[in-house]
């Protein structure tokens, strides 16, 4: 295995342990930042009229997950401050939510139809970033938990290598 290889007890080298720790801290920090940003966006948002132009559910697979995940996608147009915009955000979070089943992803799109009016929410400090659901997503919190797990494993392994 390579220098920074992983074993059941975590990374095999000090360099690998520190890398896992830093990655975990970065993911945790980004998740916490995104959660705070989306909370502020929901608090500051104003309602605007929008029109749904596209709805779909994409299937995604990644190397870290054995199955297929589903992601609802949307495109809508809206006007704010006299300027026309196009949006693609269901939630104000930059981290997108994935769902285990296609039906769960489609459920998120219930109540929206192509060509129909909808209410979008715009944070006046970011008029390009409108979203359709005026609620926070739990996706950033999932990132925080995953990041904390990596940070724990990396920190524990780093201590073992330093003491070792």
N, C-alpha and C. Protein backbone atom coordinates (compact mmCIF):
# COMPACT_ATOMS: atom_id res chain seq x y z
N UNK A 1 0.84 -1.18 0.00
CA UNK A 1 0.00 0.00 0.00
C UNK A 1 0.88 1.24 0.00
N UNK A 2 0.37 2.39 -0.37
CA UNK A 2 1.15 3.63 -0.41
C UNK A 2 1.43 4.13 1.00
N UNK A 3 2.32 5.15 1.08
CA UNK A 3 2.72 5.71 2.38
C UNK A 3 1.54 6.07 3.28
N UNK A 4 0.50 6.70 2.70
CA UNK A 4 -0.62 7.17 3.50
C UNK A 4 -1.77 6.20 3.52
N UNK A 5 -1.48 4.91 3.22
CA UNK A 5 -2.54 3.93 3.13
C UNK A 5 -3.38 3.85 4.40
N UNK A 6 -4.60 3.34 4.23
CA UNK A 6 -5.52 3.21 5.37
C UNK A 6 -5.58 1.76 5.79
N UNK A 7 -5.72 1.54 7.07
CA UNK A 7 -5.97 0.21 7.60
C UNK A 7 -7.19 0.32 8.51
N UNK A 8 -7.54 -0.75 9.12
CA UNK A 8 -8.68 -0.76 10.03
C UNK A 8 -8.48 0.21 11.19
N UNK A 9 -7.22 0.49 11.53
CA UNK A 9 -6.91 1.40 12.64
C UNK A 9 -6.67 2.83 12.18
N UNK A 10 -6.94 3.13 10.93
CA UNK A 10 -6.72 4.48 10.41
C UNK A 10 -5.50 4.53 9.52
N UNK A 11 -5.04 5.73 9.18
CA UNK A 11 -3.89 5.89 8.30
C UNK A 11 -2.64 5.23 8.89
N UNK A 12 -1.77 4.71 8.01
CA UNK A 12 -0.58 3.97 8.46
C UNK A 12 0.59 4.88 8.78
N UNK A 13 0.60 6.10 8.28
CA UNK A 13 1.75 6.99 8.51
C UNK A 13 1.29 8.28 9.18
N UNK A 14 2.26 8.99 9.74
CA UNK A 14 1.95 10.30 10.33
C UNK A 14 1.42 11.25 9.27
N UNK A 15 2.03 11.25 8.11
CA UNK A 15 1.59 12.13 7.03
C UNK A 15 0.14 11.82 6.64
N UNK A 16 -0.18 10.53 6.52
CA UNK A 16 -1.55 10.14 6.19
C UNK A 16 -2.53 10.53 7.28
N UNK A 17 -2.12 10.36 8.54
CA UNK A 17 -2.99 10.72 9.67
C UNK A 17 -3.28 12.21 9.69
N UNK A 18 -2.24 13.01 9.47
CA UNK A 18 -2.43 14.47 9.45
C UNK A 18 -3.30 14.87 8.27
N UNK A 19 -3.13 14.22 7.12
CA UNK A 19 -3.97 14.52 5.95
C UNK A 19 -5.44 14.24 6.25
N UNK A 20 -5.73 13.09 6.86
CA UNK A 20 -7.11 12.74 7.20
C UNK A 20 -7.67 13.75 8.21
N UNK A 21 -6.87 14.14 9.19
CA UNK A 21 -7.30 15.14 10.16
C UNK A 21 -7.64 16.46 9.47
N UNK A 22 -6.76 16.92 8.58
CA UNK A 22 -6.99 18.20 7.89
C UNK A 22 -8.21 18.14 6.96
N UNK A 23 -8.36 17.03 6.28
CA UNK A 23 -9.54 16.88 5.42
C UNK A 23 -10.81 16.90 6.27
N UNK A 24 -10.79 16.20 7.38
CA UNK A 24 -11.95 16.20 8.27
C UNK A 24 -12.29 17.58 8.79
N UNK A 25 -11.27 18.33 9.18
CA UNK A 25 -11.50 19.70 9.67
C UNK A 25 -12.04 20.60 8.56
N UNK A 26 -11.52 20.43 7.34
CA UNK A 26 -11.98 21.25 6.21
C UNK A 26 -13.45 20.95 5.89
N UNK A 27 -13.80 19.68 5.84
CA UNK A 27 -15.19 19.30 5.55
C UNK A 27 -16.12 19.80 6.66
N UNK A 28 -15.70 19.65 7.90
CA UNK A 28 -16.50 20.14 9.03
C UNK A 28 -16.69 21.65 8.93
N UNK A 29 -15.61 22.37 8.67
CA UNK A 29 -15.69 23.83 8.56
C UNK A 29 -16.59 24.26 7.42
N UNK A 30 -16.46 23.61 6.26
CA UNK A 30 -17.30 23.98 5.12
C UNK A 30 -18.77 23.69 5.40
N UNK A 31 -19.06 22.55 6.00
CA UNK A 31 -20.44 22.21 6.34
C UNK A 31 -21.05 23.22 7.31
N UNK A 32 -20.27 23.60 8.33
CA UNK A 32 -20.76 24.58 9.31
C UNK A 32 -20.96 25.94 8.65
N UNK A 33 -20.02 26.34 7.80
CA UNK A 33 -20.14 27.61 7.06
C UNK A 33 -21.38 27.61 6.18
N UNK A 34 -21.59 26.51 5.43
CA UNK A 34 -22.75 26.44 4.54
C UNK A 34 -24.05 26.47 5.33
N UNK A 35 -24.09 25.80 6.47
CA UNK A 35 -25.30 25.82 7.28
C UNK A 35 -25.60 27.23 7.78
N UNK A 36 -24.57 27.94 8.23
CA UNK A 36 -24.77 29.33 8.68
C UNK A 36 -25.22 30.22 7.53
N UNK A 37 -24.61 30.04 6.35
CA UNK A 37 -24.99 30.84 5.18
C UNK A 37 -26.45 30.60 4.80
N UNK A 38 -26.86 29.34 4.78
CA UNK A 38 -28.25 29.06 4.37
C UNK A 38 -29.23 29.56 5.43
N UNK A 39 -28.86 29.50 6.69
CA UNK A 39 -29.74 30.02 7.74
C UNK A 39 -29.92 31.53 7.58
N UNK A 40 -28.82 32.24 7.29
CA UNK A 40 -28.91 33.68 7.05
C UNK A 40 -29.74 33.99 5.80
N UNK A 41 -29.57 33.19 4.75
CA UNK A 41 -30.33 33.42 3.53
C UNK A 41 -31.83 33.26 3.78
N UNK A 42 -32.21 32.25 4.54
CA UNK A 42 -33.64 32.05 4.87
C UNK A 42 -34.16 33.22 5.70
N UNK A 43 -33.37 33.66 6.67
CA UNK A 43 -33.80 34.77 7.54
C UNK A 43 -33.96 36.08 6.77
N UNK A 44 -33.10 36.33 5.80
CA UNK A 44 -33.08 37.61 5.08
C UNK A 44 -33.90 37.61 3.79
N UNK A 45 -34.41 36.45 3.37
CA UNK A 45 -35.04 36.32 2.05
C UNK A 45 -36.34 37.09 1.93
N UNK A 46 -36.57 37.56 0.70
CA UNK A 46 -37.84 38.18 0.34
C UNK A 46 -38.48 37.32 -0.74
N UNK A 47 -39.80 37.30 -0.77
CA UNK A 47 -40.53 36.50 -1.75
C UNK A 47 -40.56 37.21 -3.09
N UNK A 48 -40.43 36.43 -4.17
CA UNK A 48 -40.60 36.93 -5.53
C UNK A 48 -41.41 35.91 -6.32
N UNK A 49 -42.05 36.38 -7.37
CA UNK A 49 -42.77 35.47 -8.26
C UNK A 49 -41.78 34.80 -9.20
N UNK A 50 -41.98 33.50 -9.41
CA UNK A 50 -41.10 32.73 -10.28
C UNK A 50 -41.95 31.87 -11.20
N UNK A 51 -41.32 31.39 -12.26
CA UNK A 51 -41.95 30.43 -13.16
C UNK A 51 -41.03 29.24 -13.31
N UNK A 52 -41.57 28.05 -13.10
CA UNK A 52 -40.79 26.82 -13.22
C UNK A 52 -40.58 26.52 -14.70
N UNK A 53 -39.32 26.31 -15.09
CA UNK A 53 -39.03 26.02 -16.50
C UNK A 53 -38.56 24.57 -16.71
N UNK A 54 -38.02 23.93 -15.68
CA UNK A 54 -37.58 22.53 -15.79
C UNK A 54 -37.69 21.84 -14.43
N UNK A 55 -38.07 20.58 -14.46
CA UNK A 55 -38.08 19.71 -13.27
C UNK A 55 -37.55 18.35 -13.70
N UNK A 56 -36.74 17.74 -12.87
CA UNK A 56 -36.22 16.42 -13.20
C UNK A 56 -35.65 15.78 -11.94
N UNK A 57 -35.36 14.51 -12.04
CA UNK A 57 -34.63 13.78 -11.00
C UNK A 57 -33.45 13.12 -11.69
N UNK A 58 -32.25 13.42 -11.23
CA UNK A 58 -31.03 12.83 -11.78
C UNK A 58 -30.60 11.67 -10.90
N UNK A 59 -30.09 10.63 -11.53
CA UNK A 59 -29.52 9.54 -10.75
C UNK A 59 -28.01 9.74 -10.73
N UNK A 60 -27.43 9.53 -9.59
CA UNK A 60 -25.98 9.70 -9.44
C UNK A 60 -25.42 8.49 -8.72
N UNK A 61 -24.22 8.14 -9.06
CA UNK A 61 -23.52 7.10 -8.32
C UNK A 61 -22.11 7.60 -8.09
N UNK A 62 -21.59 7.26 -6.93
CA UNK A 62 -20.23 7.68 -6.61
C UNK A 62 -19.46 6.48 -6.12
N UNK A 63 -18.16 6.60 -6.15
CA UNK A 63 -17.31 5.51 -5.71
C UNK A 63 -17.46 5.19 -4.24
N UNK A 64 -17.91 6.18 -3.45
CA UNK A 64 -18.01 5.96 -2.01
C UNK A 64 -19.33 5.30 -1.61
N UNK A 65 -20.27 5.24 -2.52
CA UNK A 65 -21.58 4.68 -2.20
C UNK A 65 -21.85 3.51 -3.14
N UNK A 66 -22.26 2.36 -2.60
CA UNK A 66 -22.46 1.18 -3.44
C UNK A 66 -23.69 1.29 -4.35
N UNK A 67 -24.68 2.09 -3.99
CA UNK A 67 -25.90 2.18 -4.76
C UNK A 67 -26.00 3.47 -5.54
N UNK A 68 -27.20 3.71 -6.01
CA UNK A 68 -27.49 4.92 -6.78
C UNK A 68 -28.24 5.89 -5.87
N UNK A 69 -27.88 7.16 -5.95
CA UNK A 69 -28.61 8.21 -5.25
C UNK A 69 -29.37 9.03 -6.28
N UNK A 70 -30.38 9.73 -5.81
CA UNK A 70 -31.22 10.54 -6.69
C UNK A 70 -31.22 11.98 -6.20
N UNK A 71 -31.16 12.90 -7.14
CA UNK A 71 -31.10 14.31 -6.81
C UNK A 71 -32.18 15.05 -7.61
N UNK A 72 -33.11 15.72 -6.91
CA UNK A 72 -34.10 16.52 -7.63
C UNK A 72 -33.44 17.75 -8.23
N UNK A 73 -33.80 18.09 -9.46
CA UNK A 73 -33.25 19.29 -10.10
C UNK A 73 -34.40 20.17 -10.57
N UNK A 74 -34.16 21.46 -10.54
CA UNK A 74 -35.18 22.42 -10.93
C UNK A 74 -34.50 23.60 -11.61
N UNK A 75 -35.22 24.25 -12.49
CA UNK A 75 -34.78 25.51 -13.09
C UNK A 75 -36.00 26.41 -13.10
N UNK A 76 -35.79 27.66 -12.71
CA UNK A 76 -36.90 28.61 -12.69
C UNK A 76 -36.37 30.00 -13.02
N UNK A 77 -37.27 30.85 -13.47
CA UNK A 77 -36.91 32.24 -13.76
C UNK A 77 -37.66 33.14 -12.78
N UNK A 78 -37.06 34.28 -12.49
CA UNK A 78 -37.66 35.24 -11.57
C UNK A 78 -37.06 36.60 -11.85
N UNK A 79 -37.72 37.61 -11.33
CA UNK A 79 -37.23 38.97 -11.47
C UNK A 79 -37.04 39.57 -10.09
N UNK A 80 -35.90 40.26 -9.94
CA UNK A 80 -35.64 40.94 -8.68
C UNK A 80 -34.92 42.25 -9.00
N UNK A 81 -35.41 43.33 -8.47
CA UNK A 81 -34.78 44.63 -8.68
C UNK A 81 -34.74 45.05 -10.14
N UNK A 82 -35.73 44.61 -10.91
CA UNK A 82 -35.79 44.96 -12.33
C UNK A 82 -34.91 44.12 -13.22
N UNK A 83 -34.25 43.11 -12.67
CA UNK A 83 -33.38 42.24 -13.46
C UNK A 83 -33.95 40.84 -13.48
N UNK A 84 -33.90 40.20 -14.65
CA UNK A 84 -34.37 38.82 -14.82
C UNK A 84 -33.25 37.85 -14.46
N UNK A 85 -33.57 36.82 -13.70
CA UNK A 85 -32.59 35.82 -13.27
C UNK A 85 -33.14 34.43 -13.56
N UNK A 86 -32.24 33.45 -13.60
CA UNK A 86 -32.61 32.04 -13.66
C UNK A 86 -31.99 31.36 -12.44
N UNK A 87 -32.76 30.54 -11.76
CA UNK A 87 -32.28 29.87 -10.57
C UNK A 87 -32.37 28.36 -10.70
N UNK A 88 -31.58 27.66 -9.90
CA UNK A 88 -31.58 26.19 -9.90
C UNK A 88 -31.60 25.60 -8.49
N UNK A 89 -31.79 26.43 -7.48
CA UNK A 89 -31.70 25.96 -6.10
C UNK A 89 -33.07 25.64 -5.51
N UNK A 90 -33.21 24.44 -5.01
CA UNK A 90 -34.40 24.12 -4.22
C UNK A 90 -34.26 24.71 -2.82
N UNK A 91 -33.08 24.53 -2.24
CA UNK A 91 -32.78 25.01 -0.89
C UNK A 91 -31.65 26.03 -0.98
N UNK A 92 -31.46 26.83 0.04
CA UNK A 92 -30.39 27.83 0.00
C UNK A 92 -28.99 27.27 0.23
N UNK A 93 -28.86 26.00 0.48
CA UNK A 93 -27.56 25.39 0.74
C UNK A 93 -26.76 25.18 -0.54
N UNK A 94 -25.46 25.37 -0.47
CA UNK A 94 -24.58 25.06 -1.59
C UNK A 94 -24.36 23.55 -1.72
N UNK A 95 -24.51 22.83 -0.62
CA UNK A 95 -24.37 21.37 -0.62
C UNK A 95 -25.73 20.78 -0.99
N UNK A 96 -25.76 20.02 -2.06
CA UNK A 96 -27.02 19.45 -2.57
C UNK A 96 -27.38 18.17 -1.83
N UNK A 97 -28.68 17.99 -1.60
CA UNK A 97 -29.17 16.78 -0.95
C UNK A 97 -29.37 15.68 -1.97
N UNK A 98 -28.99 14.46 -1.60
CA UNK A 98 -29.26 13.27 -2.39
C UNK A 98 -30.26 12.42 -1.63
N UNK A 99 -31.03 11.63 -2.38
CA UNK A 99 -32.05 10.78 -1.78
C UNK A 99 -31.81 9.34 -2.20
N UNK A 100 -32.19 8.40 -1.33
CA UNK A 100 -31.95 6.98 -1.59
C UNK A 100 -32.84 6.41 -2.68
N UNK A 101 -34.05 6.98 -2.83
CA UNK A 101 -34.98 6.47 -3.83
C UNK A 101 -35.43 7.59 -4.75
N UNK A 102 -35.80 7.20 -5.95
CA UNK A 102 -36.30 8.19 -6.91
C UNK A 102 -37.60 8.81 -6.42
N UNK A 103 -38.44 8.02 -5.77
CA UNK A 103 -39.72 8.55 -5.28
C UNK A 103 -39.49 9.60 -4.19
N UNK A 104 -38.49 9.42 -3.35
CA UNK A 104 -38.19 10.42 -2.32
C UNK A 104 -37.71 11.72 -2.96
N UNK A 105 -36.90 11.62 -4.01
CA UNK A 105 -36.44 12.82 -4.72
C UNK A 105 -37.61 13.51 -5.42
N UNK A 106 -38.50 12.74 -6.01
CA UNK A 106 -39.67 13.33 -6.70
C UNK A 106 -40.61 14.01 -5.70
N UNK A 107 -40.69 13.45 -4.50
CA UNK A 107 -41.53 14.03 -3.45
C UNK A 107 -41.13 15.47 -3.14
N UNK A 108 -39.84 15.77 -3.20
CA UNK A 108 -39.34 17.11 -2.93
C UNK A 108 -39.86 18.09 -3.98
N UNK A 109 -40.13 17.57 -5.19
CA UNK A 109 -40.61 18.42 -6.29
C UNK A 109 -42.14 18.53 -6.33
N UNK A 110 -42.84 17.80 -5.44
CA UNK A 110 -44.30 17.88 -5.40
C UNK A 110 -44.74 19.32 -5.21
N UNK A 111 -45.76 19.71 -5.93
CA UNK A 111 -46.28 21.06 -5.81
C UNK A 111 -45.72 22.01 -6.87
N UNK A 112 -44.73 21.54 -7.63
CA UNK A 112 -44.16 22.35 -8.71
C UNK A 112 -44.47 21.69 -10.05
N UNK A 113 -44.72 22.49 -11.06
CA UNK A 113 -44.98 21.97 -12.40
C UNK A 113 -44.38 22.92 -13.43
N UNK A 114 -43.84 22.36 -14.49
CA UNK A 114 -43.22 23.16 -15.54
C UNK A 114 -44.26 24.10 -16.15
N UNK A 115 -43.87 25.36 -16.28
CA UNK A 115 -44.74 26.38 -16.86
C UNK A 115 -45.65 27.04 -15.84
N UNK A 116 -45.65 26.55 -14.62
CA UNK A 116 -46.53 27.08 -13.58
C UNK A 116 -45.80 28.10 -12.71
N UNK A 117 -46.58 29.03 -12.14
CA UNK A 117 -45.96 29.99 -11.23
C UNK A 117 -45.60 29.35 -9.89
N UNK A 118 -44.62 29.93 -9.24
CA UNK A 118 -44.19 29.47 -7.93
C UNK A 118 -43.66 30.67 -7.17
N UNK A 119 -43.47 30.51 -5.89
CA UNK A 119 -42.83 31.54 -5.07
C UNK A 119 -41.38 31.15 -4.88
N UNK A 120 -40.49 32.08 -5.17
CA UNK A 120 -39.06 31.88 -4.91
C UNK A 120 -38.66 32.85 -3.81
N UNK A 121 -37.52 32.61 -3.23
CA UNK A 121 -37.02 33.45 -2.14
C UNK A 121 -35.63 33.95 -2.53
N UNK A 122 -35.44 35.26 -2.36
CA UNK A 122 -34.19 35.90 -2.75
C UNK A 122 -33.58 36.59 -1.54
N UNK A 123 -32.32 36.29 -1.29
CA UNK A 123 -31.56 37.04 -0.29
C UNK A 123 -31.09 38.31 -1.00
N UNK A 124 -31.51 39.49 -0.56
CA UNK A 124 -31.14 40.73 -1.25
C UNK A 124 -29.63 40.91 -1.42
N UNK A 125 -28.82 40.29 -0.57
CA UNK A 125 -27.37 40.40 -0.72
C UNK A 125 -26.83 39.44 -1.79
N UNK A 126 -27.67 38.52 -2.28
CA UNK A 126 -27.26 37.56 -3.31
C UNK A 126 -28.43 37.28 -4.24
N UNK A 127 -28.82 38.26 -5.07
CA UNK A 127 -30.01 38.08 -5.91
C UNK A 127 -29.88 36.96 -6.94
N UNK A 128 -28.66 36.53 -7.26
CA UNK A 128 -28.45 35.40 -8.18
C UNK A 128 -28.81 34.07 -7.56
N UNK A 129 -28.86 33.99 -6.24
CA UNK A 129 -28.98 32.71 -5.54
C UNK A 129 -30.36 32.41 -5.00
N UNK A 130 -31.41 32.68 -5.75
CA UNK A 130 -32.77 32.41 -5.27
C UNK A 130 -32.97 30.92 -5.04
N UNK A 131 -33.95 30.60 -4.21
CA UNK A 131 -34.28 29.22 -3.90
C UNK A 131 -35.78 29.10 -3.73
N UNK A 132 -36.30 27.88 -3.88
CA UNK A 132 -37.75 27.66 -3.85
C UNK A 132 -38.28 27.28 -2.48
N UNK A 133 -37.48 26.64 -1.67
CA UNK A 133 -37.93 26.22 -0.34
C UNK A 133 -37.30 27.13 0.71
N UNK A 134 -38.14 27.83 1.45
CA UNK A 134 -37.65 28.75 2.47
C UNK A 134 -37.42 27.98 3.77
N UNK A 135 -36.52 27.02 3.69
CA UNK A 135 -36.15 26.22 4.84
C UNK A 135 -34.72 25.73 4.65
N UNK A 136 -34.08 25.40 5.74
CA UNK A 136 -32.71 24.92 5.65
C UNK A 136 -32.70 23.44 5.27
N UNK A 137 -31.64 23.05 4.60
CA UNK A 137 -31.41 21.66 4.23
C UNK A 137 -30.51 21.04 5.29
N UNK A 138 -30.63 19.74 5.50
CA UNK A 138 -29.76 19.08 6.46
C UNK A 138 -28.46 18.61 5.83
N UNK A 139 -28.28 18.81 4.53
CA UNK A 139 -27.06 18.35 3.84
C UNK A 139 -25.79 18.92 4.48
N UNK A 140 -25.73 20.22 4.86
CA UNK A 140 -24.52 20.71 5.50
C UNK A 140 -24.24 20.04 6.85
N UNK A 141 -25.29 19.67 7.56
CA UNK A 141 -25.09 18.99 8.85
C UNK A 141 -24.52 17.59 8.66
N UNK A 142 -24.93 16.93 7.57
CA UNK A 142 -24.36 15.62 7.24
C UNK A 142 -22.87 15.79 6.96
N UNK A 143 -22.50 16.85 6.23
CA UNK A 143 -21.09 17.12 5.94
C UNK A 143 -20.32 17.35 7.25
N UNK A 144 -20.92 18.07 8.19
CA UNK A 144 -20.27 18.31 9.48
C UNK A 144 -20.00 16.99 10.20
N UNK A 145 -20.97 16.10 10.23
CA UNK A 145 -20.81 14.82 10.91
C UNK A 145 -19.72 13.98 10.24
N UNK A 146 -19.76 13.92 8.92
CA UNK A 146 -18.73 13.15 8.19
C UNK A 146 -17.35 13.76 8.45
N UNK A 147 -17.27 15.08 8.40
CA UNK A 147 -16.00 15.76 8.67
C UNK A 147 -15.49 15.48 10.07
N UNK A 148 -16.39 15.50 11.05
CA UNK A 148 -15.99 15.21 12.43
C UNK A 148 -15.47 13.78 12.58
N UNK A 149 -16.09 12.85 11.86
CA UNK A 149 -15.62 11.46 11.91
C UNK A 149 -14.20 11.36 11.35
N UNK A 150 -13.96 12.01 10.20
CA UNK A 150 -12.62 12.02 9.62
C UNK A 150 -11.63 12.70 10.56
N UNK A 151 -12.04 13.82 11.14
CA UNK A 151 -11.15 14.54 12.06
C UNK A 151 -10.83 13.68 13.28
N UNK A 152 -11.80 12.96 13.78
CA UNK A 152 -11.56 12.08 14.94
C UNK A 152 -10.56 10.99 14.59
N UNK A 153 -10.80 10.30 13.47
CA UNK A 153 -9.89 9.22 13.05
C UNK A 153 -8.50 9.79 12.79
N UNK A 154 -8.43 10.92 12.08
CA UNK A 154 -7.13 11.53 11.79
C UNK A 154 -6.43 12.02 13.04
N UNK A 155 -7.16 12.64 13.95
CA UNK A 155 -6.57 13.13 15.20
C UNK A 155 -6.08 11.99 16.07
N UNK A 156 -6.88 10.95 16.17
CA UNK A 156 -6.50 9.78 16.97
C UNK A 156 -5.26 9.12 16.38
N UNK A 157 -5.24 8.97 15.07
CA UNK A 157 -4.09 8.35 14.41
C UNK A 157 -2.85 9.22 14.52
N UNK A 158 -3.02 10.52 14.42
CA UNK A 158 -1.89 11.44 14.56
C UNK A 158 -1.28 11.31 15.95
N UNK A 159 -2.11 11.29 16.97
CA UNK A 159 -1.61 11.14 18.34
C UNK A 159 -0.87 9.82 18.54
N UNK A 160 -1.42 8.75 17.94
CA UNK A 160 -0.78 7.44 18.06
C UNK A 160 0.60 7.45 17.39
N UNK A 161 0.68 8.10 16.23
CA UNK A 161 1.96 8.13 15.49
C UNK A 161 2.99 9.01 16.21
N UNK A 162 2.53 10.11 16.80
CA UNK A 162 3.45 11.02 17.49
C UNK A 162 3.95 10.38 18.78
N UNK A 163 3.08 9.70 19.50
CA UNK A 163 3.46 9.07 20.77
C UNK A 163 4.25 7.78 20.54
N UNK A 164 4.04 7.19 19.38
CA UNK A 164 4.48 5.96 19.09
C UNK A 164 5.57 5.15 18.99
